[in-house]
Every structure is written in C-alpha cells, then in structure tokens.
Amino acid sequence: MKFTFSNLQVHSINRKTVYVFDEHQYALPLWAEFSISNSKQYGLVTFDFHTDTRQGFNRYACLQNSGELHRVWDEFRINYVNSITPTDIKAVVEATKNLANDEHICAALNFGYIDNAHVVNVENEHHDLNIFYYRIKTPFDLESIEITQNPYERDNGLTQFFLNRIEDDYLVDTGFSIPPNPFILDFDLDYFPTRESLNPKNRKIITELISKAQIITVAREEFYFEKNRKQQGFDVREAESLLLKLIEDVLLKRRAPL
C-alpha cells in the first residue's frame, strides 16, 4: 500500500528502508505494514525526548466523553480499540487520525506489531509490562543549557556528555543494551539538541543499532524539536539531514570523521 500521510518520505539506503514523517503517531501504520507483511512481531528501540507511552487513543476517548468519569473514557477507549482490525492496514491508517503523537507505542503493543519496546528518553521512567526505559544516571540541570558555541569546548565535557545522547558513554550510562531479537529502530528528532549530537565521536552502539535494525522510522515533530533544541540556528530540516547522513555513513560503511 502506498502511504501519503504526514509528509512522508521514503529512503532506501543499501536495501534498508528509512521512513521520515512529521507526526510521530504515523509510525504506527508503518510498523503495522511491516509486521503484517512479514507475519511477525518485532521489538522496538526508540530515541525520544519524551517517553511516548501513553495508552493508545486515550486523548480521543477523553475528547469524545468530555465531562464524564475516567471510567467512561476508559471503556470507550477499549471498545474503540477492539473495533479496529489490526490486520486491516487501511483501517489502521484511518484510526491513526484519532491517535495522539505520544500514544503509538502502546497502540502498537496492543495491536501486536511489536512485543516489547526499549525507550531511550530524557523525560521520565515508568515501569510498564514489556516497556523498558533508559535515561542517564548522571545528574545535570537540563534547563540551564543553551549552546551558542561548540559544546565540546564547554564545561569540561559535561555539557558534551549530557547533550550527545547517542554517544557510547551516554548510552552505557543509561543502562541500555542492544536487544537480541529483531527490532525496528525509531527516532524523534526532538531527542537531538545540537548538531554535534548527530555526529557522535564514539558510535559503536548506534552503528550496531542502525546496522541491525529491520527498518528505521524518523519523526520530525518540529514543534517539540524547537522546544527542546539547545543550539541557536539549528532547525529540524538540518537535524533530519544530519540523521540521514549518519544512517548513510553506517549503512554504506563510510569512514566516521575523527
């Protein structure tokens, strides 16, 4: 099926498909099609400023039942989810219009496209069934950071460590390890606060993730990118370009810059 939603762009890089789109919830039909076409559940590894693990269609249920008790919202949500046939990709695309941009992971778990999710984020940690959360243990004041110069030259490397969120040392500090089973790799561009954060110097982990991923999905989420970026003059289009370059460098086995 040909998708035309959310300013979707499709890139094929050395036989691996990379999808880039505006709103993060539109990862759902892409994951759905891949899972359905292969008759297989996958793991998910996602890099996102936020956790994006609210219950699927929760906001829609609230809007449809304004003023009612939470129990009514929840019953409506469950009935709505049960009305969607997970293998009907057209129905999933249509339902995604009612999905908020932080509800796609739980929706994908509910529909059986993924069976676990590894969420590398800055925002929070929860304890959910089949969802594993990773954030750094090193304390730092996020709100105080605003980069106007090269972050490699500031704060004796602490700013560099905190902002460069796909560097090996950072990911090790979160406790993240690469899952052994086949997985989808997903990015929200709001995870990347500076240009340098998309050009990791020590990149063994992210290189292995990109190499092993079955497919790669990328959400632009421009509003949240602008809200969370920490470098003046850095915009979402540049972030998109830099991430695609990183993916190409890995998949085409280009030499990483020193």
C-alpha atoms as a PDB file:
ATOM      1  CA  MET A   1       0.000   0.000   0.000  1.00  0.00           C
ATOM      2  CA  LYS A   2       1.298   3.450  -0.867  1.00  0.00           C
ATOM      3  CA  PHE A   3       1.217   5.883   2.049  1.00  0.00           C
ATOM      4  CA  THR A   4       0.810   9.635   1.570  1.00  0.00           C
ATOM      5  CA  PHE A   5       0.275  10.871   5.134  1.00  0.00           C
ATOM      6  CA  SER A   6       2.227  13.296   7.356  1.00  0.00           C
ATOM      7  CA  ASN A   7       4.670  14.496   4.657  1.00  0.00           C
ATOM      8  CA  LEU A   8       6.108  11.001   4.466  1.00  0.00           C
ATOM      9  CA  GLN A   9       9.410  10.497   2.662  1.00  0.00           C
ATOM     10  CA  VAL A  10      10.804   7.039   1.997  1.00  0.00           C
ATOM     11  CA  HIS A  11      14.531   6.399   1.562  1.00  0.00           C
ATOM     12  CA  SER A  12      16.147   3.124   0.556  1.00  0.00           C
ATOM     13  CA  ILE A  13      19.754   3.007   1.746  1.00  0.00           C
ATOM     14  CA  ASN A  14      21.687  -0.137   0.869  1.00  0.00           C
ATOM     15  CA  ARG A  15      18.424  -2.143   0.839  1.00  0.00           C
ATOM     16  CA  LYS A  16      17.233  -0.781   4.191  1.00  0.00           C
ATOM     17  CA  THR A  17      14.087   1.362   4.285  1.00  0.00           C
ATOM     18  CA  VAL A  18      14.062   4.614   6.241  1.00  0.00           C
ATOM     19  CA  TYR A  19      10.755   6.460   6.698  1.00  0.00           C
ATOM     20  CA  VAL A  20      10.674  10.147   7.678  1.00  0.00           C
ATOM     21  CA  PHE A  21       7.406  11.906   8.567  1.00  0.00           C
ATOM     22  CA  ASP A  22       6.052  14.802  10.618  1.00  0.00           C
ATOM     23  CA  GLU A  23       3.835  13.398  13.391  1.00  0.00           C
ATOM     24  CA  HIS A  24       5.172  10.561  15.489  1.00  0.00           C
ATOM     25  CA  GLN A  25       1.880   8.643  15.699  1.00  0.00           C
ATOM     26  CA  TYR A  26       2.208   7.911  11.976  1.00  0.00           C
ATOM     27  CA  ALA A  27       4.914   5.426  12.819  1.00  0.00           C
ATOM     28  CA  LEU A  28       2.033   3.105  13.729  1.00  0.00           C
ATOM     29  CA  PRO A  29       0.787   2.227  10.211  1.00  0.00           C
ATOM     30  CA  LEU A  30       4.386   1.859   9.017  1.00  0.00           C
ATOM     31  CA  TRP A  31       5.156  -0.591  11.807  1.00  0.00           C
ATOM     32  CA  ALA A  32       1.817  -2.266  11.099  1.00  0.00           C
ATOM     33  CA  GLU A  33       2.519  -2.823   7.421  1.00  0.00           C
ATOM     34  CA  PHE A  34       5.981  -4.201   8.137  1.00  0.00           C
ATOM     35  CA  SER A  35       4.692  -6.564  10.827  1.00  0.00           C
ATOM     36  CA  ILE A  36       1.698  -7.714   8.783  1.00  0.00           C
ATOM     37  CA  SER A  37       3.733  -8.264   5.595  1.00  0.00           C
ATOM     38  CA  ASN A  38       6.217 -10.446   7.482  1.00  0.00           C
ATOM     39  CA  SER A  39       3.667 -12.138   9.792  1.00  0.00           C
ATOM     40  CA  LYS A  40       5.971 -11.304  12.681  1.00  0.00           C
ATOM     41  CA  GLN A  41       6.157  -9.235  15.851  1.00  0.00           C
ATOM     42  CA  TYR A  42       9.235  -7.078  16.346  1.00  0.00           C
ATOM     43  CA  GLY A  43      10.972  -5.344  19.176  1.00  0.00           C
ATOM     44  CA  LEU A  44      11.216  -1.568  19.176  1.00  0.00           C
ATOM     45  CA  VAL A  45      14.166   0.653  20.070  1.00  0.00           C
ATOM     46  CA  THR A  46      13.188   4.319  20.159  1.00  0.00           C
ATOM     47  CA  PHE A  47      15.144   7.500  20.898  1.00  0.00           C
ATOM     48  CA  ASP A  48      12.852  10.311  22.003  1.00  0.00           C
ATOM     49  CA  PHE A  49      12.992  13.269  24.379  1.00  0.00           C
ATOM     50  CA  HIS A  50       9.638  12.047  25.742  1.00  0.00           C
ATOM     51  CA  THR A  51       8.545   8.521  26.609  1.00  0.00           C
ATOM     52  CA  ASP A  52       5.541   8.472  24.215  1.00  0.00           C
ATOM     53  CA  THR A  53       3.968   5.582  26.123  1.00  0.00           C
ATOM     54  CA  ARG A  54       0.513   6.908  26.951  1.00  0.00           C
ATOM     55  CA  GLN A  55      -2.328   4.480  26.285  1.00  0.00           C
ATOM     56  CA  GLY A  56      -3.376   4.407  22.646  1.00  0.00           C
ATOM     57  CA  PHE A  57      -6.400   6.566  21.765  1.00  0.00           C
ATOM     58  CA  ASN A  58      -6.631   7.931  25.303  1.00  0.00           C
ATOM     59  CA  ARG A  59      -6.919  11.576  24.208  1.00  0.00           C
ATOM     60  CA  TYR A  60      -9.566  10.673  21.630  1.00  0.00           C
ATOM     61  CA  ALA A  61     -11.588   8.897  24.307  1.00  0.00           C
ATOM     62  CA  CYS A  62     -11.340  11.942  26.563  1.00  0.00           C
ATOM     63  CA  LEU A  63     -12.463  14.298  23.793  1.00  0.00           C
ATOM     64  CA  GLN A  64     -15.401  12.057  22.904  1.00  0.00           C
ATOM     65  CA  ASN A  65     -16.513  11.829  26.540  1.00  0.00           C
ATOM     66  CA  SER A  66     -15.803  15.293  27.903  1.00  0.00           C
ATOM     67  CA  GLY A  67     -17.216  15.757  31.387  1.00  0.00           C
ATOM     68  CA  GLU A  68     -17.664  12.047  32.032  1.00  0.00           C
ATOM     69  CA  LEU A  69     -15.865   9.968  34.635  1.00  0.00           C
ATOM     70  CA  HIS A  70     -12.484   8.466  33.744  1.00  0.00           C
ATOM     71  CA  ARG A  71     -14.083   5.013  33.827  1.00  0.00           C
ATOM     72  CA  VAL A  72     -16.328   6.047  30.922  1.00  0.00           C
ATOM     73  CA  TRP A  73     -13.329   7.291  28.928  1.00  0.00           C
ATOM     74  CA  ASP A  74     -11.515   4.008  29.514  1.00  0.00           C
ATOM     75  CA  GLU A  75     -14.479   1.871  28.466  1.00  0.00           C
ATOM     76  CA  PHE A  76     -14.885   3.955  25.315  1.00  0.00           C
ATOM     77  CA  ARG A  77     -11.163   3.633  24.532  1.00  0.00           C
ATOM     78  CA  ILE A  78     -11.155  -0.142  24.973  1.00  0.00           C
ATOM     79  CA  ASN A  79     -14.258  -0.560  22.807  1.00  0.00           C
ATOM     80  CA  TYR A  80     -12.774   1.694  20.132  1.00  0.00           C
ATOM     81  CA  VAL A  81      -9.500  -0.257  20.076  1.00  0.00           C
ATOM     82  CA  ASN A  82     -11.432  -3.534  19.834  1.00  0.00           C
ATOM     83  CA  SER A  83     -13.369  -2.164  16.856  1.00  0.00           C
ATOM     84  CA  ILE A  84     -10.169  -1.822  14.790  1.00  0.00           C
ATOM     85  CA  THR A  85      -8.943  -4.863  12.882  1.00  0.00           C
ATOM     86  CA  PRO A  86      -5.140  -4.809  13.345  1.00  0.00           C
ATOM     87  CA  THR A  87      -4.508  -6.599  10.034  1.00  0.00           C
ATOM     88  CA  ASP A  88      -6.607  -4.103   8.034  1.00  0.00           C
ATOM     89  CA  ILE A  89      -3.961  -1.554   7.170  1.00  0.00           C
ATOM     90  CA  LYS A  90      -6.475   0.925   5.710  1.00  0.00           C
ATOM     91  CA  ALA A  91      -8.415   0.831   8.969  1.00  0.00           C
ATOM     92  CA  VAL A  92      -5.200   1.395  10.939  1.00  0.00           C
ATOM     93  CA  VAL A  93      -4.259   4.400   8.792  1.00  0.00           C
ATOM     94  CA  GLU A  94      -7.736   5.854   9.308  1.00  0.00           C
ATOM     95  CA  ALA A  95      -7.618   5.202  13.071  1.00  0.00           C
ATOM     96  CA  THR A  96      -4.243   6.914  13.347  1.00  0.00           C
ATOM     97  CA  LYS A  97      -6.067  10.205  12.744  1.00  0.00           C
ATOM     98  CA  ASN A  98      -7.507   9.719  16.248  1.00  0.00           C
ATOM     99  CA  LEU A  99      -4.160   8.801  17.819  1.00  0.00           C
ATOM    100  CA  ALA A 100      -2.129  11.384  19.734  1.00  0.00           C
ATOM    101  CA  ASN A 101       1.575  11.770  18.999  1.00  0.00           C
ATOM    102  CA  ASP A 102       2.598  10.121  22.267  1.00  0.00           C
ATOM    103  CA  GLU A 103       0.319   7.057  22.072  1.00  0.00           C
ATOM    104  CA  HIS A 104       1.727   4.992  19.200  1.00  0.00           C
ATOM    105  CA  ILE A 105       3.964   2.632  21.216  1.00  0.00           C
ATOM    106  CA  CYS A 106       1.176   1.268  23.418  1.00  0.00           C
ATOM    107  CA  ALA A 107      -1.123   1.097  20.384  1.00  0.00           C
ATOM    108  CA  ALA A 108       1.487  -0.988  18.551  1.00  0.00           C
ATOM    109  CA  LEU A 109       1.807  -3.298  21.560  1.00  0.00           C
ATOM    110  CA  ASN A 110      -1.980  -3.643  21.799  1.00  0.00           C
ATOM    111  CA  PHE A 111      -2.284  -4.473  18.093  1.00  0.00           C
ATOM    112  CA  GLY A 112       0.594  -6.966  18.245  1.00  0.00           C
ATOM    113  CA  TYR A 113       3.000  -5.302  15.800  1.00  0.00           C
ATOM    114  CA  ILE A 114       5.692  -5.137  18.471  1.00  0.00           C
ATOM    115  CA  ASP A 115       6.082  -7.302  21.566  1.00  0.00           C
ATOM    116  CA  ASN A 116       8.495  -5.105  23.532  1.00  0.00           C
ATOM    117  CA  ALA A 117       9.817  -1.544  23.487  1.00  0.00           C
ATOM    118  CA  HIS A 118      13.127  -0.070  24.634  1.00  0.00           C
ATOM    119  CA  VAL A 119      12.610   3.663  25.219  1.00  0.00           C
ATOM    120  CA  VAL A 120      15.753   5.812  25.472  1.00  0.00           C
ATOM    121  CA  ASN A 121      14.479   9.190  26.632  1.00  0.00           C
ATOM    122  CA  VAL A 122      15.299  12.313  28.631  1.00  0.00           C
ATOM    123  CA  GLU A 123      11.959  12.884  30.297  1.00  0.00           C
ATOM    124  CA  ASN A 124      10.942  10.082  32.610  1.00  0.00           C
ATOM    125  CA  GLU A 125      10.928   6.455  33.676  1.00  0.00           C
ATOM    126  CA  HIS A 126       7.954   4.196  34.320  1.00  0.00           C
ATOM    127  CA  HIS A 127       7.515   0.505  34.983  1.00  0.00           C
ATOM    128  CA  ASP A 128       5.278  -0.990  32.306  1.00  0.00           C
ATOM    129  CA  LEU A 129       4.813  -4.516  31.018  1.00  0.00           C
ATOM    130  CA  ASN A 130       7.156  -5.122  28.055  1.00  0.00           C
ATOM    131  CA  ILE A 131       8.369  -1.483  28.011  1.00  0.00           C
ATOM    132  CA  PHE A 132      11.892  -0.751  29.249  1.00  0.00           C
ATOM    133  CA  TYR A 133      13.066   2.801  29.944  1.00  0.00           C
ATOM    134  CA  TYR A 134      16.582   4.243  29.795  1.00  0.00           C
ATOM    135  CA  ARG A 135      17.824   7.678  30.847  1.00  0.00           C
ATOM    136  CA  ILE A 136      21.154   8.846  32.154  1.00  0.00           C
ATOM    137  CA  LYS A 137      22.054   8.486  35.807  1.00  0.00           C
ATOM    138  CA  THR A 138      24.463  11.460  35.811  1.00  0.00           C
ATOM    139  CA  PRO A 139      22.624  14.453  37.350  1.00  0.00           C
ATOM    140  CA  PHE A 140      22.565  17.691  35.360  1.00  0.00           C
ATOM    141  CA  ASP A 141      20.373  20.781  35.056  1.00  0.00           C
ATOM    142  CA  LEU A 142      18.775  20.459  31.619  1.00  0.00           C
ATOM    143  CA  GLU A 143      17.081  23.854  31.653  1.00  0.00           C
ATOM    144  CA  SER A 144      20.334  25.746  32.250  1.00  0.00           C
ATOM    145  CA  ILE A 145      21.908  24.613  28.983  1.00  0.00           C
ATOM    146  CA  GLU A 146      21.832  26.874  25.942  1.00  0.00           C
ATOM    147  CA  ILE A 147      24.587  26.265  23.425  1.00  0.00           C
ATOM    148  CA  THR A 148      25.889  29.155  21.365  1.00  0.00           C
ATOM    149  CA  GLN A 149      29.354  27.763  20.727  1.00  0.00           C
ATOM    150  CA  ASN A 150      30.867  24.332  20.234  1.00  0.00           C
ATOM    151  CA  PRO A 151      29.677  22.216  23.182  1.00  0.00           C
ATOM    152  CA  TYR A 152      32.918  20.227  23.036  1.00  0.00           C
ATOM    153  CA  GLU A 153      34.654  23.308  24.437  1.00  0.00           C
ATOM    154  CA  ARG A 154      32.367  23.911  27.422  1.00  0.00           C
ATOM    155  CA  ASP A 155      32.019  22.658  30.990  1.00  0.00           C
ATOM    156  CA  ASN A 156      34.973  20.259  30.868  1.00  0.00           C
ATOM    157  CA  GLY A 157      32.969  17.893  28.697  1.00  0.00           C
ATOM    158  CA  LEU A 158      29.914  17.611  30.980  1.00  0.00           C
ATOM    159  CA  THR A 159      27.672  19.510  28.565  1.00  0.00           C
ATOM    160  CA  GLN A 160      29.018  17.382  25.737  1.00  0.00           C
ATOM    161  CA  PHE A 161      28.190  14.253  27.708  1.00  0.00           C
ATOM    162  CA  PHE A 162      24.668  15.359  28.561  1.00  0.00           C
ATOM    163  CA  LEU A 163      23.692  16.584  25.095  1.00  0.00           C
ATOM    164  CA  ASN A 164      25.353  13.973  22.886  1.00  0.00           C
ATOM    165  CA  ARG A 165      22.726  11.346  23.531  1.00  0.00           C
ATOM    166  CA  ILE A 166      23.818   8.620  21.110  1.00  0.00           C
ATOM    167  CA  GLU A 167      27.448   8.582  22.197  1.00  0.00           C
ATOM    168  CA  ASP A 168      28.560   5.219  23.592  1.00  0.00           C
ATOM    169  CA  ASP A 169      29.347   6.577  27.075  1.00  0.00           C
ATOM    170  CA  TYR A 170      25.940   8.243  27.338  1.00  0.00           C
ATOM    171  CA  LEU A 171      24.060   5.101  26.312  1.00  0.00           C
ATOM    172  CA  VAL A 172      26.110   2.939  28.672  1.00  0.00           C
ATOM    173  CA  ASP A 173      25.224   5.369  31.484  1.00  0.00           C
ATOM    174  CA  THR A 174      21.512   4.826  30.772  1.00  0.00           C
ATOM    175  CA  GLY A 175      21.908   1.062  31.164  1.00  0.00           C
ATOM    176  CA  PHE A 176      20.832   0.448  27.567  1.00  0.00           C
ATOM    177  CA  SER A 177      21.959  -2.680  25.739  1.00  0.00           C
ATOM    178  CA  ILE A 178      21.038  -3.818  22.244  1.00  0.00           C
ATOM    179  CA  PRO A 179      18.142  -6.324  22.275  1.00  0.00           C
ATOM    180  CA  PRO A 180      18.966  -9.764  20.852  1.00  0.00           C
ATOM    181  CA  ASN A 181      15.797 -10.196  18.781  1.00  0.00           C
ATOM    182  CA  PRO A 182      14.860  -8.424  15.506  1.00  0.00           C
ATOM    183  CA  PHE A 183      13.782  -4.836  16.115  1.00  0.00           C
ATOM    184  CA  ILE A 184      12.537  -1.646  14.498  1.00  0.00           C
ATOM    185  CA  LEU A 185      14.679   1.441  15.159  1.00  0.00           C
ATOM    186  CA  ASP A 186      12.813   4.698  15.724  1.00  0.00           C
ATOM    187  CA  PHE A 187      13.891   8.313  16.262  1.00  0.00           C
ATOM    188  CA  ASP A 188      12.111  11.509  17.262  1.00  0.00           C
ATOM    189  CA  LEU A 189      14.238  14.458  16.161  1.00  0.00           C
ATOM    190  CA  ASP A 190      13.428  16.289  19.393  1.00  0.00           C
ATOM    191  CA  TYR A 191      15.913  13.900  21.048  1.00  0.00           C
ATOM    192  CA  PHE A 192      18.785  15.722  19.306  1.00  0.00           C
ATOM    193  CA  PRO A 193      19.519  19.156  20.846  1.00  0.00           C
ATOM    194  CA  THR A 194      22.601  20.198  18.808  1.00  0.00           C
ATOM    195  CA  ARG A 195      24.345  19.499  15.528  1.00  0.00           C
ATOM    196  CA  GLU A 196      27.092  17.710  17.423  1.00  0.00           C
ATOM    197  CA  SER A 197      24.566  15.344  18.970  1.00  0.00           C
ATOM    198  CA  LEU A 198      24.036  13.867  15.489  1.00  0.00           C
ATOM    199  CA  ASN A 199      27.742  13.336  14.889  1.00  0.00           C
ATOM    200  CA  PRO A 200      28.833  11.034  17.728  1.00  0.00           C
ATOM    201  CA  LYS A 201      32.569  10.531  18.091  1.00  0.00           C
ATOM    202  CA  ASN A 202      32.213   7.187  19.846  1.00  0.00           C
ATOM    203  CA  ARG A 203      29.484   5.433  17.905  1.00  0.00           C
ATOM    204  CA  LYS A 204      29.819   1.689  18.303  1.00  0.00           C
ATOM    205  CA  ILE A 205      26.349   1.223  19.834  1.00  0.00           C
ATOM    206  CA  ILE A 206      24.411   3.440  17.428  1.00  0.00           C
ATOM    207  CA  THR A 207      26.306   1.908  14.493  1.00  0.00           C
ATOM    208  CA  GLU A 208      25.262  -1.570  15.579  1.00  0.00           C
ATOM    209  CA  LEU A 209      21.664  -0.428  16.099  1.00  0.00           C
ATOM    210  CA  ILE A 210      21.431   1.113  12.625  1.00  0.00           C
ATOM    211  CA  SER A 211      23.092  -1.920  11.042  1.00  0.00           C
ATOM    212  CA  LYS A 212      20.832  -4.458  12.755  1.00  0.00           C
ATOM    213  CA  ALA A 213      17.523  -2.562  12.517  1.00  0.00           C
ATOM    214  CA  GLN A 214      14.891  -4.159  10.286  1.00  0.00           C
ATOM    215  CA  ILE A 215      13.519  -0.762   9.269  1.00  0.00           C
ATOM    216  CA  ILE A 216      14.079   2.781  10.583  1.00  0.00           C
ATOM    217  CA  THR A 217      11.365   5.355  11.292  1.00  0.00           C
ATOM    218  CA  VAL A 218      12.044   9.047  11.962  1.00  0.00           C
ATOM    219  CA  ALA A 219       9.518  11.598  13.265  1.00  0.00           C
ATOM    220  CA  ARG A 220      10.316  15.257  12.673  1.00  0.00           C
ATOM    221  CA  GLU A 221       7.951  16.628  15.369  1.00  0.00           C
ATOM    222  CA  GLU A 222       9.047  20.182  14.592  1.00  0.00           C
ATOM    223  CA  PHE A 223       7.158  21.852  17.460  1.00  0.00           C
ATOM    224  CA  TYR A 224       8.871  19.700  20.083  1.00  0.00           C
ATOM    225  CA  PHE A 225      12.194  19.848  18.273  1.00  0.00           C
ATOM    226  CA  GLU A 226      12.124  23.642  18.519  1.00  0.00           C
ATOM    227  CA  LYS A 227      11.062  23.449  22.158  1.00  0.00           C
ATOM    228  CA  ASN A 228      13.905  21.132  23.151  1.00  0.00           C
ATOM    229  CA  ARG A 229      16.819  22.163  20.926  1.00  0.00           C
ATOM    230  CA  LYS A 230      19.799  23.746  22.682  1.00  0.00           C
ATOM    231  CA  GLN A 231      21.681  25.395  19.818  1.00  0.00           C
ATOM    232  CA  GLN A 232      20.846  28.639  18.075  1.00  0.00           C
ATOM    233  CA  GLY A 233      20.254  28.403  14.321  1.00  0.00           C
ATOM    234  CA  PHE A 234      19.793  24.631  14.404  1.00  0.00           C
ATOM    235  CA  ASP A 235      16.493  23.615  12.795  1.00  0.00           C
ATOM    236  CA  VAL A 236      14.547  20.424  12.174  1.00  0.00           C
ATOM    237  CA  ARG A 237      15.458  20.187   8.483  1.00  0.00           C
ATOM    238  CA  GLU A 238      19.156  20.261   9.338  1.00  0.00           C
ATOM    239  CA  ALA A 239      18.577  17.645  12.036  1.00  0.00           C
ATOM    240  CA  GLU A 240      16.779  15.430   9.514  1.00  0.00           C
ATOM    241  CA  SER A 241      19.622  15.810   7.040  1.00  0.00           C
ATOM    242  CA  LEU A 242      22.275  15.035   9.644  1.00  0.00           C
ATOM    243  CA  LEU A 243      20.470  11.935  10.890  1.00  0.00           C
ATOM    244  CA  LEU A 244      20.063  10.618   7.348  1.00  0.00           C
ATOM    245  CA  LYS A 245      23.760  11.246   6.763  1.00  0.00           C
ATOM    246  CA  LEU A 246      24.634   9.298   9.906  1.00  0.00           C
ATOM    247  CA  ILE A 247      22.437   6.417   8.763  1.00  0.00           C
ATOM    248  CA  GLU A 248      24.011   6.509   5.292  1.00  0.00           C
ATOM    249  CA  ASP A 249      27.519   6.596   6.742  1.00  0.00           C
ATOM    250  CA  VAL A 250      26.762   3.430   8.700  1.00  0.00           C
ATOM    251  CA  LEU A 251      24.905   1.532   6.010  1.00  0.00           C
ATOM    252  CA  LEU A 252      27.283   2.494   3.225  1.00  0.00           C
ATOM    253  CA  LYS A 253      30.244   1.853   5.549  1.00  0.00           C
ATOM    254  CA  ARG A 254      31.698   5.310   5.166  1.00  0.00           C
ATOM    255  CA  ARG A 255      34.546   6.198   7.481  1.00  0.00           C
ATOM    256  CA  ALA A 256      33.364   8.168  10.518  1.00  0.00           C
ATOM    257  CA  PRO A 257      35.034  11.577  10.972  1.00  0.00           C
ATOM    258  CA  LEU A 258      37.789  11.713  13.571  1.00  0.00           C
END
